[in-house]
Protein backbone atom coordinates (compact mmCIF):
# COMPACT_ATOMS: atom_id res chain seq x y z
CA MET A 1 -3.02 12.35 47.69
CA ASN A 2 -3.47 16.13 47.81
CA ILE A 3 -1.74 18.50 45.48
CA PHE A 4 -0.74 21.36 47.76
CA ARG A 5 -0.42 24.91 46.63
CA SER A 6 2.78 26.85 47.01
CA ILE A 7 2.54 29.43 49.78
CA ALA A 8 4.37 32.62 50.60
CA PHE A 9 4.62 34.23 54.02
CA VAL A 10 4.67 37.84 55.08
CA ALA A 11 4.67 39.13 58.63
CA SER A 12 4.05 42.23 60.66
CA LEU A 13 4.08 42.77 64.40
CA LEU A 14 1.04 44.29 66.07
CA THR A 15 1.68 46.06 69.34
CA LEU A 16 0.14 48.76 71.51
CA VAL A 17 1.49 52.22 72.06
CA SER A 18 -1.37 54.43 73.17
CA CYS A 19 -5.05 54.87 73.89
CA GLY A 20 -7.42 56.01 71.17
CA ASN A 21 -6.65 55.57 67.48
CA SER A 22 -3.15 54.98 66.21
CA GLY A 23 -1.66 53.90 62.94
CA ILE A 24 0.91 51.25 62.05
CA SER A 25 2.27 50.73 58.60
CA GLY A 26 4.83 48.60 56.85
CA SER A 27 6.35 48.30 53.42
CA SER A 28 4.63 46.49 50.59
CA SER A 29 5.83 44.06 47.99
CA GLY A 30 4.84 43.81 44.36
CA SER A 31 1.93 41.59 45.37
CA GLY A 32 0.53 44.35 47.57
CA VAL A 33 1.06 42.38 50.79
CA SER A 34 3.29 43.62 53.61
CA SER A 35 6.71 41.98 53.26
CA SER A 36 8.75 43.34 56.14
CA ALA A 37 8.22 42.75 59.84
CA PHE A 38 7.99 45.81 62.05
CA ALA A 39 7.70 46.22 65.79
CA LEU A 40 6.53 48.87 68.23
CA GLN A 41 7.47 48.45 71.87
CA THR A 42 4.53 47.53 74.02
CA PRO A 43 4.14 48.91 77.54
CA GLY A 44 3.24 45.46 78.84
CA PRO A 45 2.20 41.93 77.78
CA SER A 46 -0.45 41.41 75.11
CA THR A 47 -2.26 38.16 74.50
CA THR A 48 -4.76 36.34 72.27
CA PHE A 49 -4.58 33.08 74.25
CA GLY A 50 -6.90 30.20 73.31
CA ASN A 51 -7.74 28.29 70.14
CA PHE A 52 -11.44 27.65 70.79
CA GLY A 53 -12.45 31.20 69.82
CA LYS A 54 -11.03 33.64 67.31
CA ALA A 55 -9.28 36.92 68.00
CA ILE A 56 -9.08 37.60 64.24
CA ALA A 57 -11.86 38.08 61.68
CA THR A 58 -12.25 39.01 58.02
CA ASP A 59 -15.16 40.45 56.07
CA GLY A 60 -16.31 40.53 52.47
CA ALA A 61 -14.87 44.00 51.92
CA GLY A 62 -11.26 42.91 52.47
CA TYR A 63 -10.76 44.10 56.05
CA VAL A 64 -8.81 42.13 58.62
CA ASP A 65 -9.76 42.76 62.25
CA VAL A 66 -7.82 41.71 65.36
CA VAL A 67 -8.52 42.07 69.08
CA TRP A 68 -6.35 41.31 72.09
CA LEU A 69 -5.91 41.87 75.80
CA GLN A 70 -3.22 44.44 76.51
CA GLY A 71 -1.82 43.90 79.99
CA GLY A 72 -2.91 41.23 82.42
CA SER A 73 -1.11 39.03 84.86
CA THR A 74 2.07 37.41 83.57
CA ASP A 75 3.41 33.90 83.74
CA ASN A 76 6.65 32.61 82.27
CA ASP A 77 4.91 30.61 79.55
CA GLY A 78 2.25 33.22 78.92
CA SER A 79 -0.56 30.75 79.32
CA TYR A 80 -2.02 32.56 82.28
CA ILE A 81 -2.07 36.04 80.79
CA THR A 82 -5.82 35.65 80.63
CA LEU A 83 -7.12 37.94 83.35
CA GLY A 84 -5.72 41.05 84.96
CA THR A 85 -5.47 44.81 84.83
CA GLY A 86 -5.60 45.66 81.16
CA SER A 87 -7.64 46.90 78.22
CA ILE A 88 -9.26 45.48 75.09
CA VAL A 89 -7.64 46.72 71.88
CA PHE A 90 -8.97 46.51 68.32
CA ALA A 91 -6.87 46.81 65.15
CA GLN A 92 -8.05 46.84 61.53
CA SER A 93 -6.30 46.66 58.19
CA GLY A 94 -7.92 47.36 54.83
CA ASP A 95 -4.87 46.46 52.73
CA GLN A 96 -4.13 42.81 53.60
CA GLY A 97 -2.05 43.63 56.66
CA VAL A 98 0.23 46.31 55.22
CA SER A 99 -1.05 49.09 57.47
CA TRP A 100 -3.15 49.06 60.62
CA SER A 101 -5.16 51.46 62.71
CA LYS A 102 -5.79 50.70 66.38
CA THR A 103 -8.38 51.69 68.95
CA GLU A 104 -8.46 50.99 72.66
CA LEU A 105 -12.03 49.74 73.12
CA THR A 106 -12.02 49.72 76.91
CA PRO A 107 -10.04 51.70 79.46
CA VAL A 108 -7.44 49.94 81.56
CA ALA A 109 -9.34 48.19 84.34
CA PRO A 110 -8.79 45.31 86.77
CA ASN A 111 -10.18 41.84 86.04
CA THR A 112 -10.35 42.21 82.26
CA SER A 113 -10.11 39.01 80.24
CA LEU A 114 -9.61 37.70 76.72
CA PRO A 115 -11.59 39.21 73.81
CA ARG A 116 -12.97 37.37 70.77
CA ILE A 117 -14.28 38.82 67.50
CA THR A 118 -16.48 38.08 64.51
CA ALA A 119 -17.58 40.10 61.47
CA SER A 120 -20.79 39.97 59.44
CA GLY A 121 -20.89 42.39 56.52
CA SER A 122 -20.02 45.82 57.89
CA ASP A 123 -20.85 44.78 61.46
CA ILE A 124 -18.17 43.77 63.95
CA TYR A 125 -18.86 42.10 67.29
CA VAL A 126 -16.33 41.86 70.13
CA VAL A 127 -16.97 39.89 73.32
CA TRP A 128 -14.93 39.51 76.50
CA SER A 129 -15.41 38.97 80.22
CA ALA A 130 -14.72 41.63 82.83
CA GLN A 131 -15.68 42.54 86.35
CA ASN A 132 -19.19 43.89 86.74
CA ILE A 133 -19.07 46.39 89.59
CA PRO A 134 -22.66 45.95 90.91
CA THR A 135 -22.40 42.15 91.18
CA ARG A 136 -18.62 42.09 91.79
CA ASN A 137 -18.09 39.12 89.50
CA LEU A 138 -17.03 38.40 85.92
CA GLN A 139 -19.72 38.89 83.30
CA VAL A 140 -19.72 38.66 79.49
CA PHE A 141 -19.83 41.97 77.60
CA LEU A 142 -20.30 42.81 73.92
CA LEU A 143 -19.37 45.77 71.74
CA HIS A 144 -20.99 46.26 68.33
CA GLY A 145 -18.98 48.13 65.72
CA SER A 146 -20.34 49.46 62.41
CA ARG A 147 -17.78 50.12 59.66
CA SER A 148 -18.28 52.79 57.02
CA GLY A 149 -15.54 54.14 54.80
CA GLY A 150 -12.84 52.52 56.88
CA GLU A 151 -14.09 54.08 60.12
CA VAL A 152 -15.68 51.97 62.86
CA GLN A 153 -18.28 53.45 65.18
CA TRP A 154 -18.68 51.50 68.40
CA SER A 155 -21.77 51.12 70.53
CA SER A 156 -21.72 51.18 74.31
CA ALA A 157 -20.86 47.87 75.94
CA VAL A 158 -23.80 45.57 76.68
CA MET A 159 -23.72 42.90 79.41
CA ILE A 160 -24.89 39.58 77.91
CA SER A 161 -24.59 37.14 80.80
CA ASP A 162 -26.79 37.10 83.88
CA THR A 163 -24.38 35.25 86.14
CA PRO A 164 -25.35 35.64 89.82
CA SER A 165 -23.01 37.19 92.36
CA GLY A 166 -20.47 34.68 93.62
CA ALA A 167 -20.10 32.99 90.22
CA ASN A 168 -18.26 34.02 87.06
CA ALA A 169 -18.75 33.98 83.29
CA ILE A 170 -15.46 33.61 81.39
CA TYR A 171 -13.88 33.09 77.95
CA PRO A 172 -16.85 33.95 75.68
CA VAL A 173 -16.85 33.13 71.96
CA VAL A 174 -18.97 34.74 69.26
CA ALA A 175 -20.28 34.04 65.75
CA ALA A 176 -22.68 35.96 63.51
CA SER A 177 -24.75 35.49 60.37
CA GLY A 178 -26.53 38.55 59.02
CA GLN A 179 -28.10 40.30 62.01
CA ALA A 180 -28.10 37.14 64.13
CA VAL A 181 -25.34 37.14 66.78
CA HIS A 182 -24.55 34.05 68.86
CA ILE A 183 -22.42 33.88 72.03
CA ALA A 184 -21.34 30.95 74.22
CA TRP A 185 -19.28 30.94 77.41
CA PRO A 186 -18.42 28.80 80.49
CA ASP A 187 -20.28 29.82 83.63
CA ASP A 188 -19.77 28.37 87.13
CA ARG A 189 -23.11 29.37 88.69
CA GLN A 190 -23.88 25.69 89.32
CA GLY A 191 -22.01 25.21 92.58
CA GLY A 192 -18.70 26.39 91.20
CA VAL A 193 -18.79 23.91 88.31
CA ASN A 194 -18.58 25.31 84.78
CA GLU A 195 -21.32 24.67 82.26
CA VAL A 196 -21.55 26.12 78.74
CA TYR A 197 -24.17 28.86 78.43
CA TYR A 198 -25.56 30.44 75.26
CA ALA A 199 -27.47 33.57 74.25
CA HIS A 200 -28.39 35.12 70.90
CA SER A 201 -29.57 38.36 69.37
CA MET A 202 -31.61 38.53 66.18
CA ASP A 203 -31.32 42.30 65.72
CA GLY A 204 -27.60 42.95 65.53
CA GLY A 205 -27.00 42.95 69.28
CA THR A 206 -29.77 45.29 70.40
CA THR A 207 -31.83 42.75 72.33
CA TRP A 208 -30.78 39.37 73.72
CA SER A 209 -32.33 36.06 74.66
CA THR A 210 -32.17 34.78 78.22
CA PRO A 211 -28.97 32.72 78.65
CA LEU A 212 -29.47 28.95 78.77
CA ALA A 213 -27.17 26.02 79.51
CA VAL A 214 -26.38 23.92 76.44
CA SER A 215 -24.19 21.45 78.35
CA PRO A 216 -25.88 19.21 80.94
CA VAL A 217 -25.82 20.47 84.51
CA ASP A 218 -24.23 17.33 85.94
CA GLY A 219 -21.60 18.43 88.45
CA PHE A 220 -18.69 18.07 86.02
CA ASN A 221 -16.95 20.91 84.23
CA SER A 222 -17.85 21.79 80.65
CA TRP A 223 -15.69 24.53 79.14
CA THR A 224 -13.68 25.85 76.16
CA PRO A 225 -16.77 26.24 73.96
CA SER A 226 -16.24 26.86 70.26
CA ILE A 227 -19.11 28.24 68.15
CA ALA A 228 -19.84 28.38 64.42
CA VAL A 229 -22.84 29.48 62.39
CA SER A 230 -24.11 29.05 58.83
CA GLY A 231 -27.43 30.77 58.15
CA GLU A 232 -29.84 29.57 60.85
CA HIS A 233 -27.66 26.59 61.79
CA VAL A 234 -25.63 27.07 64.98
CA TYR A 235 -23.02 24.63 66.31
CA ILE A 236 -21.36 24.61 69.73
CA ALA A 237 -18.60 22.14 70.63
CA TRP A 238 -17.01 21.96 74.06
CA THR A 239 -14.70 20.01 76.38
CA ASP A 240 -16.51 17.90 78.98
CA ALA A 241 -15.08 16.25 82.12
CA ARG A 242 -18.07 14.07 83.04
CA PHE A 243 -16.07 10.82 82.79
CA GLY A 244 -13.44 11.66 85.39
CA ALA A 245 -11.80 14.44 87.33
CA ALA A 246 -13.14 17.95 86.95
CA ASP A 247 -9.69 19.43 86.41
CA CYS A 248 -7.13 17.60 84.29
CA ILE A 249 -4.29 19.96 85.25
CA THR A 250 -4.43 19.13 88.96
CA ASN A 251 -5.63 15.56 88.45
CA ALA A 252 -3.48 14.40 85.55
CA THR A 253 -3.71 10.76 86.57
CA ASP A 254 -7.52 10.88 86.41
CA CYS A 255 -8.03 12.92 83.25
CA HIS A 256 -10.97 11.83 81.12
CA GLU A 257 -12.16 14.81 79.11
CA VAL A 258 -14.01 14.29 75.84
CA LEU A 259 -15.66 16.56 73.25
CA TYR A 260 -19.37 17.10 72.73
CA LEU A 261 -21.38 18.94 70.08
CA ARG A 262 -24.90 20.40 70.03
CA SER A 263 -26.60 22.13 67.14
CA SER A 264 -29.66 24.22 66.40
CA ALA A 265 -31.40 24.59 63.04
CA ASP A 266 -33.43 27.68 64.00
CA SER A 267 -30.86 30.25 65.17
CA GLY A 268 -30.59 28.88 68.69
CA GLU A 269 -34.28 28.65 69.63
CA VAL A 270 -34.35 24.85 69.89
CA TRP A 271 -31.29 22.64 70.43
CA GLY A 272 -30.82 19.05 69.35
CA GLU A 273 -29.44 16.23 71.45
CA GLU A 274 -25.77 16.39 72.34
CA ILE A 275 -23.36 14.23 70.35
CA GLU A 276 -20.25 12.69 71.92
CA LEU A 277 -17.55 13.27 69.31
CA THR A 278 -14.55 11.60 70.94
CA CYS A 279 -15.31 8.35 72.66
CA ASP A 280 -12.01 7.44 74.30
CA SER A 281 -12.57 8.78 77.80
CA SER A 282 -9.31 7.26 79.07
CA ILE A 283 -7.21 10.18 77.84
CA TYR A 284 -7.26 13.96 77.67
CA THR A 285 -9.14 15.48 74.70
CA TYR A 286 -9.35 19.24 74.72
CA ALA A 287 -10.24 22.61 73.23
CA PRO A 288 -12.13 22.12 69.95
CA SER A 289 -11.97 24.59 67.09
CA VAL A 290 -15.20 24.32 65.11
CA PHE A 291 -15.96 25.76 61.67
CA VAL A 292 -18.99 25.24 59.43
CA GLU A 293 -19.10 25.73 55.67
CA ASN A 294 -22.42 25.07 53.96
CA ASP A 295 -23.63 21.81 55.55
CA THR A 296 -20.23 20.48 56.57
CA VAL A 297 -18.97 20.84 60.13
CA HIS A 298 -15.20 20.79 60.70
CA ILE A 299 -13.61 20.25 64.11
CA ALA A 300 -9.94 20.21 65.09
CA TYR A 301 -8.68 19.35 68.56
CA PHE A 302 -5.69 17.93 70.41
CA GLN A 303 -5.49 14.80 72.50
CA GLY A 304 -3.00 12.85 74.59
CA VAL A 305 -1.36 13.00 78.01
CA PRO A 306 -0.59 16.61 78.92
CA TYR A 307 1.01 16.57 82.39
CA PRO A 308 3.72 16.10 83.39
CA PRO A 309 4.89 17.18 79.93
CA GLY A 310 3.54 14.36 77.83
CA VAL A 311 2.64 13.88 74.18
CA MET A 312 -0.29 15.72 72.60
CA ARG A 313 -1.29 15.16 68.98
CA LEU A 314 -3.58 16.92 66.47
CA TYR A 315 -6.91 15.44 65.38
CA TYR A 316 -9.56 16.46 62.86
CA LEU A 317 -13.18 15.49 62.13
CA ARG A 318 -15.46 16.54 59.29
CA SER A 319 -19.03 15.44 58.72
CA VAL A 320 -22.28 16.48 57.10
CA GLY A 321 -24.10 14.92 60.06
CA PHE A 322 -22.13 13.65 63.04
CA ALA A 323 -23.31 10.38 64.54
CA ALA A 324 -22.57 9.80 68.20
CA CYS A 325 -19.44 7.68 68.63
CA SER A 326 -19.92 5.82 65.36
CA GLY A 327 -17.60 4.89 62.55
CA THR A 328 -14.09 6.15 63.15
CA GLN A 329 -15.05 9.04 65.40
CA GLY A 330 -14.25 7.19 68.61
CA THR A 331 -10.88 5.97 67.38
CA GLN A 332 -9.91 8.80 65.07
CA PRO A 333 -6.21 8.52 64.11
CA ALA A 334 -3.90 11.43 64.87
CA ILE A 335 -2.81 13.60 61.96
CA ASP A 336 0.52 12.26 60.68
CA MET A 337 2.21 15.65 60.41
CA GLN A 338 5.44 16.16 58.50
CA TYR A 339 7.47 18.91 60.17
CA PRO A 340 10.33 20.97 58.72
CA SER A 341 13.75 19.35 58.79
CA GLY A 342 15.40 19.92 62.15
CA ASP A 343 12.12 20.54 64.04
CA ALA A 344 11.77 17.64 66.46
CA VAL A 345 8.28 18.50 67.68
CA LEU A 346 7.47 16.62 70.87
CA SER A 347 3.89 17.76 71.34
CA ALA A 348 1.27 19.69 69.29
CA TRP A 349 -1.14 22.08 71.00
CA ARG A 350 -4.36 24.02 70.37
CA PRO A 351 -5.18 23.84 66.63
CA ASN A 352 -7.35 26.56 65.12
CA ILE A 353 -9.04 26.18 61.72
CA SER A 354 -10.81 28.07 58.95
CA VAL A 355 -12.28 26.58 55.76
CA TYR A 356 -12.84 27.82 52.20
CA ASN A 357 -14.34 25.68 49.41
CA GLY A 358 -13.63 22.56 51.44
CA VAL A 359 -9.93 23.37 51.99
CA VAL A 360 -9.10 23.29 55.70
CA HIS A 361 -6.45 25.71 56.92
CA MET A 362 -4.95 24.90 60.32
CA VAL A 363 -2.50 26.62 62.67
CA TRP A 364 -1.17 25.36 66.01
CA TRP A 365 1.92 25.47 68.15
CA GLY A 366 4.48 22.71 68.63
CA GLU A 367 6.64 22.12 71.70
CA LEU A 368 10.26 21.41 70.83
CA THR A 369 11.42 20.82 74.41
CA SER A 370 9.90 19.15 77.45
CA ASN A 371 10.19 22.40 79.40
CA TYR A 372 6.86 24.13 78.76
CA ALA A 373 7.85 27.09 80.91
CA THR A 374 11.08 28.38 79.40
CA GLY A 375 11.68 26.05 76.47
CA GLN A 376 11.14 26.50 72.74
CA SER A 377 7.88 26.39 70.80
CA LYS A 378 6.92 27.36 67.25
CA ILE A 379 3.82 28.23 65.26
CA TYR A 380 2.95 25.94 62.34
CA TYR A 381 0.57 26.10 59.38
CA THR A 382 -0.85 23.40 57.11
CA GLU A 383 -3.83 22.76 54.82
CA SER A 384 -5.83 19.82 53.51
CA THR A 385 -8.54 19.29 50.90
CA ASP A 386 -9.90 16.10 52.45
CA GLY A 387 -8.86 16.11 56.11
CA VAL A 388 -6.80 12.96 55.59
CA ASP A 389 -3.71 14.08 53.69
CA TRP A 390 -2.13 17.27 55.00
CA ALA A 391 0.49 19.54 53.47
CA PRO A 392 3.89 19.41 55.21
CA ALA A 393 3.84 21.81 58.12
CA THR A 394 5.46 25.20 57.58
CA SER A 395 6.83 27.11 60.54
CA LEU A 396 5.66 30.72 60.80
CA THR A 397 8.30 31.28 63.50
CA PRO A 398 11.34 29.43 62.10
CA GLN A 399 13.85 31.00 64.54
CA SER A 400 16.48 30.33 61.89
CA ASP A 401 18.74 33.07 63.22
CA GLY A 402 19.58 30.96 66.25
CA SER A 403 17.15 32.69 68.56
CA VAL A 404 15.07 30.57 70.93
CA TYR A 405 11.73 31.77 72.25
CA ARG A 406 8.20 30.58 72.93
CA ALA A 407 5.42 31.21 70.42
CA PHE A 408 1.88 30.02 70.94
CA SER A 409 -1.89 30.65 70.70
CA PRO A 410 -2.34 31.02 66.92
CA ASN A 411 -5.66 31.85 65.21
CA VAL A 412 -6.45 31.86 61.48
CA SER A 413 -9.07 33.60 59.32
CA LEU A 414 -9.35 33.56 55.52
CA SER A 415 -9.78 36.32 52.98
CA ALA A 416 -13.17 36.52 51.24
CA ASP A 417 -11.79 34.89 48.08
CA GLY A 418 -9.83 32.21 49.95
CA SER A 419 -6.49 33.34 48.51
CA ARG A 420 -4.91 34.30 51.84
CA ALA A 421 -4.87 32.89 55.34
CA TYR A 422 -4.40 35.61 57.94
CA THR A 423 -2.82 34.39 61.16
CA ILE A 424 -2.04 35.83 64.57
CA TRP A 425 -0.18 34.51 67.59
CA GLU A 426 1.95 35.74 70.48
CA ASP A 427 5.65 35.32 71.19
CA HIS A 428 8.50 37.02 73.05
CA ARG A 429 11.19 37.23 70.36
CA ASN A 430 11.84 40.83 71.39
CA ASP A 431 12.40 39.99 75.04
CA SER A 432 15.10 37.47 75.89
CA ASP A 433 14.11 37.20 79.56
CA ALA A 434 12.81 33.62 79.49
CA LEU A 435 11.61 33.72 83.10
CA ASP A 436 9.38 36.79 82.75
CA PRO A 437 9.14 37.70 79.06
CA ASN A 438 7.01 40.37 77.41
CA TYR A 439 4.76 38.66 74.87
CA GLU A 440 3.57 40.56 71.82
CA VAL A 441 0.90 39.84 69.22
CA PHE A 442 2.15 39.04 65.72
CA PHE A 443 0.28 39.02 62.42
CA GLN A 444 1.23 37.07 59.30
CA ALA A 445 -0.44 36.49 55.95
CA VAL A 446 -0.10 33.24 54.06
CA SER A 447 -0.59 33.82 50.31
CA PHE A 448 -1.41 31.04 47.86
């Protein structure tokens, strides 16, 4: 049985107010961590949607970096604020989330999608998909930032994908180790069917390899890639629909998605055979969050029957060397999560993990009603030292004042010394219009 550390929570609201640089600051407690929530009114929705990539990063110098899409199309549960007329915004904090400076990285433009971020030393890499005017389709772009003295200088955007006209590259994810930068994304150039593509740079984003498909081109969708890197070892996990319908949302009765993993031991030059991680193709298994520490690969995901509102549960795997569908991997038991008193969680969605010294930190959202559109959902946090016993879940959005709102899409990144878990998510606590709410991006630090 684990002995879990006591944790303290502090929160601050990140929102957009202008183009260019702007500052946000909050009060500090005796521990030096922001202790009071603050809010600035946003001019429109902001989103970090998706657990398979990270919209938050930390570096060895103590900085916390966040990116999000400001604007976009709206939907009453926020889950489709993923592409629209908007801009990519970057925020950084050098004091554990007490104060923030913000920069609008791209101008407001149509067909802008979700950004993801990683940091390696003083280098910051941001990827997203957006419309490429010459080819009139969605391509993957990258910005390289170099931080010095708290200031970040950004390069010009570089197009990474080579997706032909008529097809689109979407939802890229990024990881870096030293000067090696690795990107993966779904791309539907193969007859409108998504496959996971990959490219890398060995010189800090100056030059790039030719994109290649890491999922098999088999006529079934492969998507939601998650990427992690440790030295020259690169890992990509993804959701694969080869055992059934290509779209589990519109074909809920024929939903057979499973998770696969491929790895490279030479910075993405040569890739090993794919490994099927979840072997029960009779149900829906989706959206991995992968993290590697030393030689251990950690993967969290959720599985169940999603539509009509069904039951989804959290799952976790860790291994020094995964073996295809062996041992307990095909029949992995769901995490037996203990929720706060009074929180009757019906379904758990989209876990995101980070790891420090073998301790796994996980955030996700839980549905408290069967109405996914206008009902209630909360963000939860837990940790485990062995992946078997988990600390009782703590709600980061307790809604103890009687308010009811939706909160979802959390990400987590850890401080360099492992003493804090920095989390972000989006919710509409400041807009009571449940049918068309304005979602905002929140930040919260979990101190141990």
